[in-house]
Amino acid sequence: MADRFDVGDIIKMKKPHPCGSQEWEVLRTGADFRLKCMGCGHQIMVSRKLVEKNTRQITKKTQPDGGAQ
């Protein structure tokens, strides 16, 4: 099964962070995710199960050098 989430992606969650932002940057993937709030910069560790359940939208990261691999 292909992983939907990659480091650098911006995800929109169902419930907002107390600062008001619903967007988070993925810093780490695995059994747990490290997410950074795009509003205030706060970082949290969340289980994969909660991230998959509460994600509304995934904005994939863009590759800065034209997509060359």
N, C-alpha and C. Protein backbone atom coordinates (compact mmCIF):
# COMPACT_ATOMS: atom_id res chain seq x y z
N MET A 1 0.84 -1.19 0.00
CA MET A 1 0.00 0.00 0.00
C MET A 1 0.88 1.25 0.00
N ALA A 2 0.60 2.16 -0.89
CA ALA A 2 1.37 3.40 -0.98
C ALA A 2 0.98 4.34 0.16
N ASP A 3 1.98 5.02 0.70
CA ASP A 3 1.74 5.97 1.78
C ASP A 3 1.21 7.28 1.21
N ARG A 4 0.12 7.79 1.79
CA ARG A 4 -0.48 9.04 1.30
C ARG A 4 0.31 10.25 1.76
N PHE A 5 1.04 10.13 2.85
CA PHE A 5 1.69 11.27 3.48
C PHE A 5 3.20 11.23 3.24
N ASP A 6 3.76 12.39 2.93
CA ASP A 6 5.21 12.53 2.76
C ASP A 6 5.68 13.70 3.62
N VAL A 7 6.94 13.68 4.01
CA VAL A 7 7.53 14.79 4.76
C VAL A 7 7.46 16.04 3.88
N GLY A 8 7.01 17.14 4.46
CA GLY A 8 6.89 18.39 3.73
C GLY A 8 5.47 18.69 3.26
N ASP A 9 4.59 17.69 3.27
CA ASP A 9 3.20 17.91 2.87
C ASP A 9 2.50 18.80 3.89
N ILE A 10 1.50 19.53 3.44
CA ILE A 10 0.65 20.33 4.31
C ILE A 10 -0.69 19.62 4.38
N ILE A 11 -1.14 19.31 5.60
CA ILE A 11 -2.43 18.64 5.76
C ILE A 11 -3.40 19.55 6.50
N LYS A 12 -4.66 19.44 6.14
CA LYS A 12 -5.72 20.20 6.79
C LYS A 12 -6.51 19.22 7.65
N MET A 13 -6.60 19.51 8.95
CA MET A 13 -7.27 18.63 9.89
C MET A 13 -8.72 19.07 10.11
N LYS A 14 -9.53 18.18 10.66
CA LYS A 14 -10.95 18.47 10.90
C LYS A 14 -11.13 19.55 11.96
N LYS A 15 -10.37 19.46 13.05
CA LYS A 15 -10.53 20.43 14.14
C LYS A 15 -9.33 21.38 14.16
N PRO A 16 -9.57 22.66 14.44
CA PRO A 16 -8.47 23.63 14.46
C PRO A 16 -7.62 23.52 15.72
N HIS A 17 -6.37 23.96 15.61
CA HIS A 17 -5.47 24.11 16.75
C HIS A 17 -5.99 25.31 17.56
N PRO A 18 -5.70 25.40 18.85
CA PRO A 18 -6.18 26.56 19.64
C PRO A 18 -5.79 27.92 19.06
N CYS A 19 -4.74 28.00 18.24
CA CYS A 19 -4.36 29.28 17.64
C CYS A 19 -5.29 29.65 16.48
N GLY A 20 -6.12 28.69 16.02
CA GLY A 20 -7.08 28.97 14.96
C GLY A 20 -6.75 28.33 13.62
N SER A 21 -5.52 27.86 13.45
CA SER A 21 -5.10 27.26 12.18
C SER A 21 -5.51 25.79 12.10
N GLN A 22 -5.92 25.35 10.91
CA GLN A 22 -6.25 23.94 10.69
C GLN A 22 -5.17 23.25 9.86
N GLU A 23 -4.14 23.98 9.44
CA GLU A 23 -3.11 23.43 8.57
C GLU A 23 -1.86 23.06 9.35
N TRP A 24 -1.31 21.89 9.01
CA TRP A 24 -0.13 21.35 9.67
C TRP A 24 0.87 20.89 8.63
N GLU A 25 2.15 21.07 8.89
CA GLU A 25 3.22 20.55 8.02
C GLU A 25 3.71 19.24 8.60
N VAL A 26 3.86 18.23 7.74
CA VAL A 26 4.36 16.92 8.17
C VAL A 26 5.88 16.99 8.25
N LEU A 27 6.43 16.77 9.45
CA LEU A 27 7.88 16.79 9.65
C LEU A 27 8.46 15.38 9.73
N ARG A 28 7.64 14.39 10.13
CA ARG A 28 8.10 13.01 10.28
C ARG A 28 6.92 12.09 10.06
N THR A 29 7.16 10.96 9.40
CA THR A 29 6.11 9.95 9.22
C THR A 29 6.60 8.64 9.81
N GLY A 30 5.67 7.72 9.99
CA GLY A 30 5.97 6.42 10.57
C GLY A 30 4.77 5.98 11.37
N ALA A 31 4.99 5.24 12.45
CA ALA A 31 3.89 4.85 13.33
C ALA A 31 3.29 6.09 13.99
N ASP A 32 4.15 7.09 14.25
CA ASP A 32 3.72 8.38 14.79
C ASP A 32 4.15 9.46 13.80
N PHE A 33 3.41 10.55 13.79
CA PHE A 33 3.73 11.70 12.94
C PHE A 33 4.18 12.85 13.82
N ARG A 34 5.17 13.62 13.34
CA ARG A 34 5.49 14.90 13.96
C ARG A 34 4.91 15.95 13.04
N LEU A 35 4.04 16.79 13.60
CA LEU A 35 3.37 17.84 12.83
C LEU A 35 3.74 19.20 13.40
N LYS A 36 3.84 20.20 12.51
CA LYS A 36 4.09 21.58 12.93
C LYS A 36 2.92 22.44 12.51
N CYS A 37 2.33 23.16 13.46
CA CYS A 37 1.21 24.05 13.17
C CYS A 37 1.69 25.18 12.27
N MET A 38 0.95 25.44 11.19
CA MET A 38 1.33 26.49 10.26
C MET A 38 0.98 27.88 10.80
N GLY A 39 0.14 27.93 11.85
CA GLY A 39 -0.25 29.20 12.43
C GLY A 39 0.76 29.73 13.44
N CYS A 40 1.13 28.87 14.42
CA CYS A 40 1.97 29.33 15.51
C CYS A 40 3.32 28.63 15.59
N GLY A 41 3.52 27.54 14.82
CA GLY A 41 4.80 26.85 14.82
C GLY A 41 4.94 25.77 15.88
N HIS A 42 3.90 25.53 16.67
CA HIS A 42 3.94 24.50 17.71
C HIS A 42 4.07 23.12 17.07
N GLN A 43 4.91 22.25 17.65
CA GLN A 43 5.11 20.91 17.11
C GLN A 43 4.50 19.87 18.05
N ILE A 44 3.86 18.86 17.45
CA ILE A 44 3.23 17.79 18.23
C ILE A 44 3.55 16.44 17.61
N MET A 45 3.47 15.40 18.43
CA MET A 45 3.56 14.02 17.95
C MET A 45 2.16 13.42 18.04
N VAL A 46 1.70 12.81 16.94
CA VAL A 46 0.35 12.25 16.86
C VAL A 46 0.46 10.87 16.23
N SER A 47 -0.37 9.93 16.69
CA SER A 47 -0.34 8.59 16.11
C SER A 47 -0.86 8.62 14.68
N ARG A 48 -0.37 7.69 13.87
CA ARG A 48 -0.79 7.59 12.46
C ARG A 48 -2.30 7.42 12.38
N LYS A 49 -2.87 6.63 13.26
CA LYS A 49 -4.31 6.36 13.25
C LYS A 49 -5.10 7.67 13.37
N LEU A 50 -4.71 8.54 14.30
CA LEU A 50 -5.42 9.81 14.48
C LEU A 50 -5.25 10.73 13.28
N VAL A 51 -4.05 10.76 12.70
CA VAL A 51 -3.81 11.62 11.53
C VAL A 51 -4.67 11.16 10.36
N GLU A 52 -4.68 9.84 10.09
CA GLU A 52 -5.47 9.33 8.97
C GLU A 52 -6.96 9.57 9.19
N LYS A 53 -7.42 9.46 10.42
CA LYS A 53 -8.84 9.64 10.74
C LYS A 53 -9.27 11.10 10.61
N ASN A 54 -8.42 12.03 11.02
CA ASN A 54 -8.81 13.44 11.12
C ASN A 54 -8.35 14.33 9.98
N THR A 55 -7.71 13.77 8.95
CA THR A 55 -7.24 14.57 7.82
C THR A 55 -8.37 14.81 6.83
N ARG A 56 -8.56 16.07 6.45
CA ARG A 56 -9.57 16.44 5.44
C ARG A 56 -8.95 16.59 4.07
N GLN A 57 -7.75 17.17 4.00
CA GLN A 57 -7.14 17.50 2.71
C GLN A 57 -5.62 17.40 2.83
N ILE A 58 -4.97 16.93 1.77
CA ILE A 58 -3.51 16.85 1.71
C ILE A 58 -3.04 17.71 0.55
N THR A 59 -2.15 18.67 0.84
CA THR A 59 -1.53 19.48 -0.20
C THR A 59 -0.10 18.98 -0.33
N LYS A 60 0.21 18.35 -1.45
CA LYS A 60 1.53 17.77 -1.65
C LYS A 60 2.58 18.85 -1.77
N LYS A 61 3.78 18.56 -1.27
CA LYS A 61 4.89 19.50 -1.39
C LYS A 61 5.29 19.64 -2.85
N THR A 62 5.82 20.78 -3.21
CA THR A 62 6.30 20.98 -4.57
C THR A 62 7.81 20.79 -4.57
N GLN A 63 8.33 20.25 -5.65
CA GLN A 63 9.76 20.04 -5.76
C GLN A 63 10.39 21.29 -6.36
N PRO A 64 11.31 21.95 -5.65
CA PRO A 64 11.83 23.25 -6.07
C PRO A 64 12.65 23.22 -7.36
N ASP A 65 13.32 22.10 -7.69
CA ASP A 65 14.16 22.10 -8.89
C ASP A 65 13.48 21.44 -10.07
N GLY A 66 12.24 21.80 -10.31
CA GLY A 66 11.53 21.35 -11.50
C GLY A 66 11.13 19.89 -11.51
N GLY A 67 11.24 19.22 -10.38
CA GLY A 67 10.82 17.83 -10.31
C GLY A 67 11.87 16.84 -10.78
N ALA A 68 13.10 17.28 -11.00
CA ALA A 68 14.16 16.36 -11.42
C ALA A 68 14.53 15.44 -10.27
N GLN A 69 14.65 14.14 -10.57
CA GLN A 69 15.00 13.20 -9.51
C GLN A 69 16.27 12.48 -9.85
